[in-house]
């Protein structure tokens, strides 16, 4: 009887100690898919920043053109060309993964 109680006590103690060790904490692995998503997210942000800078540059160029006394249609066309160039640069950033 004493031997059985001792065995049960040892098993209970073993499972009590080993149980928490076997229970693994949630972990977050960095998989290839996660890395690709992060890369695409960064590319999209870079493309947005490029387009935004192009818009600002285009506004400044149009204002400078108007201040220089150029024709309004010429100033609008210059602004369009600058914005289109920035859009194209943004597309290239997104496509060059």
Protein backbone atom coordinates (compact mmCIF):
# COMPACT_ATOMS: atom_id res chain seq x y z
CA UNK A 1 0.00 0.00 0.00
CA UNK A 2 2.80 2.39 0.90
CA UNK A 3 4.59 1.54 -2.33
CA UNK A 4 1.47 2.30 -4.41
CA UNK A 5 0.91 5.64 -2.64
CA UNK A 6 4.53 6.54 -3.18
CA UNK A 7 4.30 5.70 -6.89
CA UNK A 8 1.12 7.72 -7.24
CA UNK A 9 2.76 10.64 -5.44
CA UNK A 10 5.80 10.50 -7.68
CA UNK A 11 3.65 10.33 -10.83
CA UNK A 12 1.52 13.24 -9.62
CA UNK A 13 4.62 15.27 -8.91
CA UNK A 14 6.14 14.37 -12.29
CA UNK A 15 3.02 15.37 -14.20
CA UNK A 16 2.67 18.50 -12.09
CA UNK A 17 6.16 19.63 -13.02
CA UNK A 18 6.16 18.40 -16.62
CA UNK A 19 2.68 19.70 -17.48
CA UNK A 20 3.55 23.40 -17.60
CA UNK A 21 6.74 22.61 -19.48
CA UNK A 22 4.79 20.77 -22.16
CA UNK A 23 2.27 23.58 -22.43
CA UNK A 24 3.86 25.89 -24.95
CA UNK A 25 3.23 29.58 -25.00
CA UNK A 26 1.78 30.96 -28.21
CA UNK A 27 4.54 31.97 -30.56
CA UNK A 28 4.54 34.05 -33.68
CA UNK A 29 6.73 32.69 -36.37
CA UNK A 30 7.99 34.82 -39.22
CA UNK A 31 6.96 32.86 -42.27
CA UNK A 32 7.83 33.55 -45.88
CA UNK A 33 4.26 34.65 -46.51
CA UNK A 34 4.43 37.20 -43.72
CA UNK A 35 7.68 38.54 -45.09
CA UNK A 36 6.20 38.86 -48.58
CA UNK A 37 3.16 40.69 -47.20
CA UNK A 38 5.40 43.07 -45.27
CA UNK A 39 7.44 43.71 -48.41
CA UNK A 40 4.31 44.44 -50.44
CA UNK A 41 3.02 46.72 -47.70
CA UNK A 42 6.31 48.63 -47.70
CA UNK A 43 6.23 48.85 -51.51
CA UNK A 44 2.70 50.23 -51.46
CA UNK A 45 3.66 52.83 -48.86
CA UNK A 46 6.70 53.87 -50.89
CA UNK A 47 4.51 54.19 -53.99
CA UNK A 48 2.01 56.35 -52.06
CA UNK A 49 4.82 58.57 -50.80
CA UNK A 50 6.18 58.94 -54.33
CA UNK A 51 2.79 59.94 -55.69
CA UNK A 52 2.23 62.41 -52.86
CA UNK A 53 5.61 64.03 -53.46
CA UNK A 54 4.72 64.26 -57.15
CA UNK A 55 1.47 66.04 -56.34
CA UNK A 56 3.27 68.56 -54.17
CA UNK A 57 5.94 69.12 -56.81
CA UNK A 58 3.25 69.57 -59.46
CA UNK A 59 1.42 72.18 -57.37
CA UNK A 60 4.63 74.09 -56.79
CA UNK A 61 5.52 73.93 -60.50
CA UNK A 62 2.06 75.18 -61.50
CA UNK A 63 2.29 78.07 -59.05
CA UNK A 64 5.75 78.98 -60.31
CA UNK A 65 4.51 78.79 -63.89
CA UNK A 66 1.58 81.09 -63.14
CA UNK A 67 3.84 83.51 -61.25
CA UNK A 68 6.14 83.64 -64.29
CA UNK A 69 3.19 84.82 -66.38
CA UNK A 70 2.86 81.71 -68.55
CA UNK A 71 -0.44 80.71 -70.14
CA UNK A 72 -2.76 78.80 -67.84
CA UNK A 73 -3.16 75.85 -70.24
CA UNK A 74 0.60 75.44 -70.40
CA UNK A 75 0.81 75.48 -66.60
CA UNK A 76 -1.94 72.87 -66.33
CA UNK A 77 -0.20 70.66 -68.85
CA UNK A 78 3.08 70.93 -66.96
CA UNK A 79 1.29 69.93 -63.74
CA UNK A 80 -0.35 66.95 -65.48
CA UNK A 81 2.98 65.74 -66.85
CA UNK A 82 4.65 65.91 -63.43
CA UNK A 83 1.78 64.06 -61.77
CA UNK A 84 1.76 61.40 -64.49
CA UNK A 85 5.50 60.89 -64.06
CA UNK A 86 5.04 60.40 -60.32
CA UNK A 87 2.22 57.91 -60.92
CA UNK A 88 4.45 55.94 -63.27
CA UNK A 89 7.27 55.97 -60.71
CA UNK A 90 4.81 54.68 -58.10
CA UNK A 91 3.74 51.84 -60.39
CA UNK A 92 7.36 50.87 -60.97
CA UNK A 93 7.98 50.74 -57.22
CA UNK A 94 5.04 48.39 -56.71
CA UNK A 95 5.93 46.16 -59.65
CA UNK A 96 9.62 45.77 -58.80
CA UNK A 97 9.23 43.35 -55.88
